[in-house]
Amino acid sequence: VQLQASGGGLVQAGGSLRLSCAASGRTFSSYAMGWFRQAPGKEREFVAAISRGGGYTLYADSAKGRFTISRDNAKNTVSLQMNSLKPEDTAVYYCAANPRSNYGSTLRSEGDYAYWGQGTLVTVSS
């Protein structure tokens, strides 16, 4: 599956952005999907994940209450709605497809994600 992330940009602290990830292929619903991010000078970290059917979601503590992950299997898309953005949310955001796990803490593991998008830059100014 090929993934194309979009929706990044420059936003002031407290603002909102909606990231989208479009997937090619007919097997999108076979993958749990995740969003990760990598800030300058830091390692890539887990942000949020959603199960194949969309009924289960998992968030990093930093994202809880501010970010919402969703998916539309009919349109082969997964989205990340980000509200109340903070300067520390500045990062390149990546969407990824997970063919192995579908629930639980293993969704946080980068190693379970087989396909990655190219990343979209989010910059939050103070």
N, C-alpha and C. Protein backbone atom coordinates (compact mmCIF):
# COMPACT_ATOMS: atom_id res chain seq x y z
N VAL A 1 0.84 -1.18 0.00
CA VAL A 1 0.00 0.00 0.00
C VAL A 1 0.89 1.24 0.00
N GLN A 2 0.50 2.24 -0.76
CA GLN A 2 1.22 3.51 -0.78
C GLN A 2 0.42 4.56 -0.03
N LEU A 3 1.13 5.38 0.74
CA LEU A 3 0.47 6.36 1.60
C LEU A 3 0.95 7.76 1.26
N GLN A 4 0.02 8.69 1.23
CA GLN A 4 0.33 10.07 0.92
C GLN A 4 -0.30 10.96 1.98
N ALA A 5 0.54 11.57 2.80
CA ALA A 5 0.06 12.45 3.86
C ALA A 5 -0.02 13.89 3.38
N SER A 6 -0.97 14.62 3.90
CA SER A 6 -1.13 16.02 3.54
C SER A 6 -1.80 16.76 4.69
N GLY A 7 -1.84 18.09 4.57
CA GLY A 7 -2.55 18.89 5.55
C GLY A 7 -1.69 19.65 6.53
N GLY A 8 -0.38 19.44 6.48
CA GLY A 8 0.49 20.17 7.38
C GLY A 8 0.57 21.63 7.01
N GLY A 9 1.16 22.40 7.90
CA GLY A 9 1.32 23.82 7.64
C GLY A 9 1.74 24.56 8.89
N LEU A 10 1.66 25.87 8.80
CA LEU A 10 2.02 26.75 9.91
C LEU A 10 0.75 27.22 10.60
N VAL A 11 0.72 27.09 11.91
CA VAL A 11 -0.45 27.50 12.68
C VAL A 11 0.01 28.09 14.01
N GLN A 12 -0.76 29.01 14.52
CA GLN A 12 -0.42 29.60 15.82
C GLN A 12 -0.84 28.66 16.94
N ALA A 13 -0.16 28.80 18.05
CA ALA A 13 -0.52 28.01 19.22
C ALA A 13 -1.99 28.22 19.56
N GLY A 14 -2.65 27.12 19.89
CA GLY A 14 -4.07 27.15 20.16
C GLY A 14 -4.94 26.86 18.95
N GLY A 15 -4.33 26.86 17.80
CA GLY A 15 -5.06 26.61 16.57
C GLY A 15 -5.25 25.14 16.28
N SER A 16 -5.80 24.87 15.11
CA SER A 16 -6.13 23.51 14.71
C SER A 16 -5.61 23.21 13.31
N LEU A 17 -5.34 21.94 13.08
CA LEU A 17 -5.02 21.44 11.75
C LEU A 17 -5.62 20.05 11.61
N ARG A 18 -5.93 19.70 10.39
CA ARG A 18 -6.41 18.35 10.10
C ARG A 18 -5.48 17.72 9.08
N LEU A 19 -4.82 16.66 9.48
CA LEU A 19 -3.96 15.91 8.58
C LEU A 19 -4.75 14.78 7.94
N SER A 20 -4.43 14.52 6.70
CA SER A 20 -5.07 13.42 5.99
C SER A 20 -4.02 12.52 5.38
N CYS A 21 -4.38 11.28 5.23
CA CYS A 21 -3.48 10.30 4.62
C CYS A 21 -4.31 9.46 3.65
N ALA A 22 -3.95 9.53 2.40
CA ALA A 22 -4.66 8.76 1.37
C ALA A 22 -3.86 7.52 1.04
N ALA A 23 -4.54 6.40 0.98
CA ALA A 23 -3.89 5.12 0.71
C ALA A 23 -4.32 4.59 -0.65
N SER A 24 -3.37 4.02 -1.35
CA SER A 24 -3.69 3.37 -2.61
C SER A 24 -3.96 1.90 -2.36
N GLY A 25 -4.56 1.24 -3.30
CA GLY A 25 -4.79 -0.19 -3.17
C GLY A 25 -6.15 -0.52 -2.60
N ARG A 26 -6.51 -1.78 -2.71
CA ARG A 26 -7.84 -2.23 -2.31
C ARG A 26 -7.87 -2.85 -0.93
N THR A 27 -6.72 -2.87 -0.24
CA THR A 27 -6.66 -3.60 1.02
C THR A 27 -6.53 -2.68 2.22
N PHE A 28 -6.92 -1.43 2.06
CA PHE A 28 -6.75 -0.46 3.14
C PHE A 28 -7.38 -0.94 4.43
N SER A 29 -8.55 -1.55 4.35
CA SER A 29 -9.24 -1.99 5.56
C SER A 29 -8.57 -3.18 6.24
N SER A 30 -7.52 -3.71 5.63
CA SER A 30 -6.77 -4.80 6.23
C SER A 30 -5.70 -4.31 7.20
N TYR A 31 -5.52 -2.99 7.28
CA TYR A 31 -4.45 -2.43 8.08
C TYR A 31 -4.99 -1.55 9.19
N ALA A 32 -4.46 -1.75 10.38
CA ALA A 32 -4.58 -0.69 11.37
C ALA A 32 -3.70 0.46 10.89
N MET A 33 -4.08 1.66 11.26
CA MET A 33 -3.35 2.83 10.79
C MET A 33 -2.85 3.66 11.98
N GLY A 34 -1.72 4.28 11.78
CA GLY A 34 -1.16 5.08 12.85
C GLY A 34 -0.58 6.38 12.34
N TRP A 35 -0.45 7.31 13.26
CA TRP A 35 0.27 8.56 13.02
C TRP A 35 1.44 8.62 13.99
N PHE A 36 2.58 8.98 13.45
CA PHE A 36 3.78 9.20 14.24
C PHE A 36 4.31 10.59 13.91
N ARG A 37 5.22 11.08 14.73
CA ARG A 37 5.81 12.37 14.44
C ARG A 37 7.27 12.39 14.85
N GLN A 38 8.02 13.25 14.19
CA GLN A 38 9.43 13.41 14.52
C GLN A 38 9.76 14.89 14.57
N ALA A 39 10.08 15.34 15.75
CA ALA A 39 10.48 16.73 15.96
C ALA A 39 11.95 16.88 15.65
N PRO A 40 12.39 18.09 15.33
CA PRO A 40 13.82 18.31 15.03
C PRO A 40 14.71 17.84 16.16
N GLY A 41 15.68 17.02 15.81
CA GLY A 41 16.63 16.54 16.80
C GLY A 41 16.14 15.46 17.72
N LYS A 42 14.93 14.95 17.45
CA LYS A 42 14.35 13.92 18.32
C LYS A 42 14.01 12.67 17.52
N GLU A 43 13.79 11.60 18.26
CA GLU A 43 13.38 10.36 17.61
C GLU A 43 11.90 10.42 17.25
N ARG A 44 11.54 9.62 16.28
CA ARG A 44 10.15 9.53 15.90
C ARG A 44 9.34 8.90 17.04
N GLU A 45 8.14 9.43 17.25
CA GLU A 45 7.32 8.94 18.35
C GLU A 45 5.89 8.69 17.90
N PHE A 46 5.26 7.80 18.60
CA PHE A 46 3.86 7.46 18.34
C PHE A 46 2.94 8.60 18.74
N VAL A 47 1.90 8.83 17.92
CA VAL A 47 0.91 9.85 18.23
C VAL A 47 -0.47 9.23 18.45
N ALA A 48 -0.93 8.46 17.47
CA ALA A 48 -2.28 7.88 17.57
C ALA A 48 -2.39 6.71 16.60
N ALA A 49 -3.34 5.82 16.88
CA ALA A 49 -3.58 4.68 16.00
C ALA A 49 -5.06 4.33 16.02
N ILE A 50 -5.49 3.66 14.97
CA ILE A 50 -6.88 3.25 14.86
C ILE A 50 -6.93 1.86 14.26
N SER A 51 -7.86 1.05 14.75
CA SER A 51 -7.96 -0.32 14.29
C SER A 51 -8.53 -0.38 12.88
N ARG A 52 -8.50 -1.57 12.32
CA ARG A 52 -8.92 -1.75 10.92
C ARG A 52 -10.34 -1.27 10.66
N GLY A 53 -11.21 -1.58 11.58
CA GLY A 53 -12.61 -1.19 11.41
C GLY A 53 -12.94 0.18 11.97
N GLY A 54 -11.99 0.76 12.68
CA GLY A 54 -12.19 2.09 13.23
C GLY A 54 -12.81 2.14 14.62
N GLY A 55 -13.10 0.98 15.18
CA GLY A 55 -13.78 0.97 16.46
C GLY A 55 -12.87 1.11 17.67
N TYR A 56 -11.57 1.01 17.45
CA TYR A 56 -10.61 1.12 18.55
C TYR A 56 -9.58 2.18 18.20
N THR A 57 -9.32 3.05 19.15
CA THR A 57 -8.30 4.07 18.95
C THR A 57 -7.36 4.10 20.16
N LEU A 58 -6.16 4.55 19.90
CA LEU A 58 -5.13 4.63 20.94
C LEU A 58 -4.36 5.93 20.74
N TYR A 59 -4.07 6.61 21.84
CA TYR A 59 -3.38 7.89 21.75
C TYR A 59 -2.18 7.93 22.68
N ALA A 60 -1.18 8.68 22.26
CA ALA A 60 -0.10 9.04 23.17
C ALA A 60 -0.66 10.00 24.21
N ASP A 61 -0.05 10.01 25.37
CA ASP A 61 -0.54 10.91 26.42
C ASP A 61 -0.54 12.36 25.94
N SER A 62 0.43 12.71 25.12
CA SER A 62 0.54 14.09 24.64
C SER A 62 -0.60 14.47 23.70
N ALA A 63 -1.27 13.47 23.15
CA ALA A 63 -2.33 13.71 22.18
C ALA A 63 -3.74 13.58 22.76
N LYS A 64 -3.85 12.91 23.88
CA LYS A 64 -5.17 12.66 24.47
C LYS A 64 -5.91 13.96 24.75
N GLY A 65 -7.17 13.99 24.34
CA GLY A 65 -8.01 15.15 24.59
C GLY A 65 -7.84 16.28 23.60
N ARG A 66 -6.80 16.20 22.77
CA ARG A 66 -6.56 17.28 21.78
C ARG A 66 -6.63 16.77 20.34
N PHE A 67 -6.18 15.54 20.13
CA PHE A 67 -6.13 14.96 18.78
C PHE A 67 -7.20 13.87 18.65
N THR A 68 -7.72 13.73 17.44
CA THR A 68 -8.68 12.66 17.15
C THR A 68 -8.31 12.00 15.84
N ILE A 69 -8.13 10.69 15.90
CA ILE A 69 -7.84 9.92 14.70
C ILE A 69 -9.14 9.29 14.20
N SER A 70 -9.29 9.26 12.89
CA SER A 70 -10.47 8.64 12.29
C SER A 70 -10.09 8.06 10.94
N ARG A 71 -10.95 7.21 10.42
CA ARG A 71 -10.66 6.62 9.11
C ARG A 71 -11.97 6.44 8.35
N ASP A 72 -11.83 6.42 7.04
CA ASP A 72 -12.95 6.15 6.15
C ASP A 72 -12.49 5.06 5.20
N ASN A 73 -12.90 3.85 5.45
CA ASN A 73 -12.43 2.73 4.64
C ASN A 73 -13.00 2.77 3.22
N ALA A 74 -14.13 3.42 3.04
CA ALA A 74 -14.69 3.54 1.70
C ALA A 74 -13.86 4.48 0.84
N LYS A 75 -13.21 5.44 1.49
CA LYS A 75 -12.39 6.42 0.76
C LYS A 75 -10.90 6.18 0.91
N ASN A 76 -10.54 5.12 1.64
CA ASN A 76 -9.12 4.79 1.85
C ASN A 76 -8.34 5.95 2.46
N THR A 77 -8.91 6.56 3.47
CA THR A 77 -8.25 7.68 4.11
C THR A 77 -8.25 7.52 5.63
N VAL A 78 -7.23 8.07 6.23
CA VAL A 78 -7.16 8.20 7.68
C VAL A 78 -6.79 9.64 7.98
N SER A 79 -7.40 10.18 9.02
CA SER A 79 -7.21 11.58 9.34
C SER A 79 -6.78 11.76 10.79
N LEU A 80 -6.15 12.88 11.03
CA LEU A 80 -5.78 13.25 12.40
C LEU A 80 -6.21 14.70 12.60
N GLN A 81 -7.24 14.90 13.38
CA GLN A 81 -7.69 16.24 13.73
C GLN A 81 -6.92 16.69 14.96
N MET A 82 -6.22 17.80 14.83
CA MET A 82 -5.38 18.28 15.92
C MET A 82 -5.89 19.64 16.37
N ASN A 83 -6.31 19.70 17.61
CA ASN A 83 -6.81 20.95 18.20
C ASN A 83 -5.89 21.40 19.32
N SER A 84 -6.05 22.64 19.72
CA SER A 84 -5.27 23.21 20.83
C SER A 84 -3.79 22.93 20.65
N LEU A 85 -3.30 23.22 19.47
CA LEU A 85 -1.92 22.91 19.15
C LEU A 85 -0.95 23.73 19.99
N LYS A 86 0.17 23.10 20.29
CA LYS A 86 1.22 23.73 21.10
C LYS A 86 2.51 23.76 20.29
N PRO A 87 3.42 24.66 20.64
CA PRO A 87 4.71 24.68 19.92
C PRO A 87 5.43 23.34 19.95
N GLU A 88 5.26 22.59 21.03
CA GLU A 88 5.92 21.29 21.13
C GLU A 88 5.30 20.23 20.21
N ASP A 89 4.21 20.56 19.54
CA ASP A 89 3.64 19.66 18.53
C ASP A 89 4.33 19.82 17.18
N THR A 90 5.22 20.79 17.07
CA THR A 90 5.96 21.00 15.83
C THR A 90 6.77 19.76 15.48
N ALA A 91 6.54 19.23 14.28
CA ALA A 91 7.19 17.99 13.88
C ALA A 91 6.78 17.65 12.45
N VAL A 92 7.48 16.69 11.89
CA VAL A 92 7.01 16.05 10.67
C VAL A 92 6.12 14.89 11.09
N TYR A 93 4.92 14.86 10.56
CA TYR A 93 3.95 13.83 10.91
C TYR A 93 3.87 12.80 9.79
N TYR A 94 3.91 11.53 10.19
CA TYR A 94 3.89 10.43 9.26
C TYR A 94 2.66 9.54 9.52
N CYS A 95 2.01 9.13 8.45
CA CYS A 95 1.01 8.08 8.60
C CYS A 95 1.65 6.75 8.23
N ALA A 96 1.13 5.69 8.80
CA ALA A 96 1.72 4.38 8.59
C ALA A 96 0.65 3.30 8.68
N ALA A 97 0.89 2.21 7.98
CA ALA A 97 -0.05 1.09 7.93
C ALA A 97 0.53 -0.12 8.64
N ASN A 98 -0.29 -0.73 9.48
CA ASN A 98 0.14 -1.84 10.34
C ASN A 98 -0.60 -3.11 9.96
N PRO A 99 0.11 -4.06 9.36
CA PRO A 99 -0.55 -5.31 8.97
C PRO A 99 -0.56 -6.36 10.07
N ARG A 100 0.08 -6.08 11.19
CA ARG A 100 0.28 -7.11 12.21
C ARG A 100 -0.68 -6.97 13.39
N SER A 101 -0.68 -5.84 14.03
CA SER A 101 -1.49 -5.70 15.24
C SER A 101 -2.70 -4.83 14.96
N ASN A 102 -3.71 -5.01 15.78
CA ASN A 102 -4.96 -4.26 15.56
C ASN A 102 -5.52 -3.67 16.84
N TYR A 103 -4.99 -4.10 17.97
CA TYR A 103 -5.47 -3.57 19.25
C TYR A 103 -4.31 -3.49 20.22
N GLY A 104 -4.46 -2.65 21.22
CA GLY A 104 -3.54 -2.66 22.33
C GLY A 104 -2.25 -1.91 22.10
N SER A 105 -1.38 -2.06 23.06
CA SER A 105 -0.16 -1.27 23.11
C SER A 105 0.80 -1.55 21.97
N THR A 106 0.66 -2.68 21.31
CA THR A 106 1.55 -2.97 20.18
C THR A 106 1.34 -2.00 19.03
N LEU A 107 0.22 -1.31 19.03
CA LEU A 107 -0.01 -0.29 18.01
C LEU A 107 0.95 0.89 18.16
N ARG A 108 1.60 0.99 19.31
CA ARG A 108 2.58 2.06 19.52
C ARG A 108 3.93 1.73 18.89
N SER A 109 4.10 0.50 18.50
CA SER A 109 5.41 0.04 18.05
C SER A 109 5.64 0.31 16.58
N GLU A 110 6.67 1.10 16.28
CA GLU A 110 7.00 1.39 14.89
C GLU A 110 7.28 0.13 14.09
N GLY A 111 7.85 -0.86 14.75
CA GLY A 111 8.25 -2.08 14.05
C GLY A 111 7.10 -2.86 13.46
N ASP A 112 5.89 -2.62 13.95
CA ASP A 112 4.73 -3.33 13.42
C ASP A 112 4.14 -2.65 12.19
N TYR A 113 4.64 -1.49 11.85
CA TYR A 113 4.13 -0.74 10.70
C TYR A 113 5.00 -1.01 9.49
N ALA A 114 4.39 -1.51 8.45
CA ALA A 114 5.16 -1.94 7.28
C ALA A 114 5.24 -0.88 6.20
N TYR A 115 4.30 0.04 6.19
CA TYR A 115 4.23 1.03 5.13
C TYR A 115 4.13 2.42 5.74
N TRP A 116 4.87 3.35 5.14
CA TRP A 116 4.95 4.71 5.68
C TRP A 116 4.73 5.73 4.58
N GLY A 117 4.04 6.80 4.94
CA GLY A 117 3.93 7.93 4.03
C GLY A 117 5.17 8.79 4.10
N GLN A 118 5.20 9.84 3.32
CA GLN A 118 6.40 10.66 3.19
C GLN A 118 6.51 11.72 4.28
N GLY A 119 5.46 11.95 5.02
CA GLY A 119 5.51 12.95 6.08
C GLY A 119 4.99 14.30 5.63
N THR A 120 4.39 14.99 6.58
CA THR A 120 3.92 16.35 6.33
C THR A 120 4.31 17.21 7.53
N LEU A 121 4.83 18.39 7.27
CA LEU A 121 5.40 19.22 8.32
C LEU A 121 4.32 20.07 8.99
N VAL A 122 4.29 20.00 10.30
CA VAL A 122 3.42 20.85 11.10
C VAL A 122 4.31 21.76 11.94
N THR A 123 4.08 23.06 11.81
CA THR A 123 4.83 24.05 12.59
C THR A 123 3.85 24.87 13.40
N VAL A 124 4.05 24.88 14.70
CA VAL A 124 3.18 25.63 15.60
C VAL A 124 3.99 26.76 16.20
N SER A 125 3.56 27.97 15.91
CA SER A 125 4.28 29.14 16.43
C SER A 125 3.68 29.59 17.75
N SER A 126 4.54 30.14 18.58
CA SER A 126 4.08 30.59 19.91
C SER A 126 3.60 32.03 19.87
